[in-house]
């Protein structure tokens, strides 16, 4: 059976006119300037598809400097002849883009009976949204062994499995260890999205580019549990920590796969994923931003912003190189950023998060504005931490032997405050930052605005938590310490402007 990803409808797209369809990879590239965005059954699969297209474009076009990327962007669309020459190069020794080729199945491992016979599993084993093993049931309550996926969806699931996997009995974790939050800048068209999230060879810095080391070119077999110490940029973007083979059915579906441990990246300091935000830890090393249950991704948006020397965060390299594509007066006023993360718990998948945040381009390119933005986020985090702590201490005291709801009121206060804090941060506060309102004036306005958010939270949530005498006394005590905490946090922030 032949199923070429170049021509078969494996890429679900949203066109500029609002209609949807699925196209082959060739059409996706050659009409990328007519496509608004990719689509997918889950945010994880959509992101994995986009990452594949970016790696494909980097290996195909091999921009050596940012000027090459600028030339690509100025062209407005991909060159069909460049695409066809690349495909000819890849296939000079045989097929490379057939999903079920017996020697080189696209983005999979060649089936080997000695290694793979005991690794056969239902296709649900590679789909995050289906029940399998110790993974929770998300939206489907059928058993794992009755699922059948169309060929295209099986490919999407395999790609997501490589990128969003954890270490355990099934194999090693992703190239970034426990799956972090991944972030992509979004252009007005798929063409722009691909170009602005690529890196040229020079922009990759000390990280080897790895031209030709993508799976469909190098032809390397993924050996079970093979330990690898070094990785290039293109290898990291297409890393395969699972050894997966899809088995086609005559009716156009995949019901069974081989899935076992694949490449095991032991890590080194050189690898720095171009789409992963990081923060500086107390030991001066950098940790990746991880998705957390109940924590909206916007709260970590500071790690996306510019930090020249990496004093507090390490901005994703693709974001850091945005200014290489535009002169300052050419930068878009706003850059939509899509962040995606997989929630895990002891090697089990418990959910996923996706959030699109619109950030002024100046936050991605200018130190002073980025510093102010991160300071505002840190301030809000400190205020909400004390809010929760004081409500827990004086109102939500755990009952002896109780489980489950001992901090319900604190959680409601936190949710109410953070919802309003989001609107403040991305509304009036961000407007002041972009307009370069004097820093002391901005800090005063921000502290007063946060005070208003606390006041509203106390009135709307805390005081509504009980009306008997004991409850009112507890609320008053919590409120007293909430204001004491707010005052200390605000005074600490304003110390920097003493005498100004």
Foldseek 3Di string as FASTA:
>chain_A
DFDFLQADFQWWFQFPVGDIDGGGPLCCQQCQLGTQATDAPDPLLRVLVLLVNLLVCCLLQQFAALVSLLVLVVVSGDDSVSVVVSCCVLAVPHDLGTCAPQQHHHLAFRDDCVQFVVQKDWLLVLAQQDDDDPADHHPDDDDRQPDKAFPSNSVSSQSSSQQAFADDQQAHGHPQHHRAKFKFWGDRTSSVRSSLLHHHCVLLPPAGACRQNASSRPSDGFDAAAEDAHDHQSCNSSPGQWRKGFDADPVRITTMMRIGGTYHYPDDPSDAHLGWKWFQDPVRDIDTHHDDVPDAPVLVCLSQFDDPVRPTIPHRSSLLCNCSNDPPVGDDQKIKMKIKHFDDDPRYTDGIDIDIDIDGNCRSHPDVLSVLLNVLSVLLVQLLVLLLVLCLVQPLPDDVPDDDCSSVLSSVLSVQLVVVSVCVSNDPLNVCSVVVPPPLVSLVVSLVVSVVSNVCSLVVRQVVPDDDPSSVVSSVRSVVSSVVSSVVSSVVVNVVVVPD
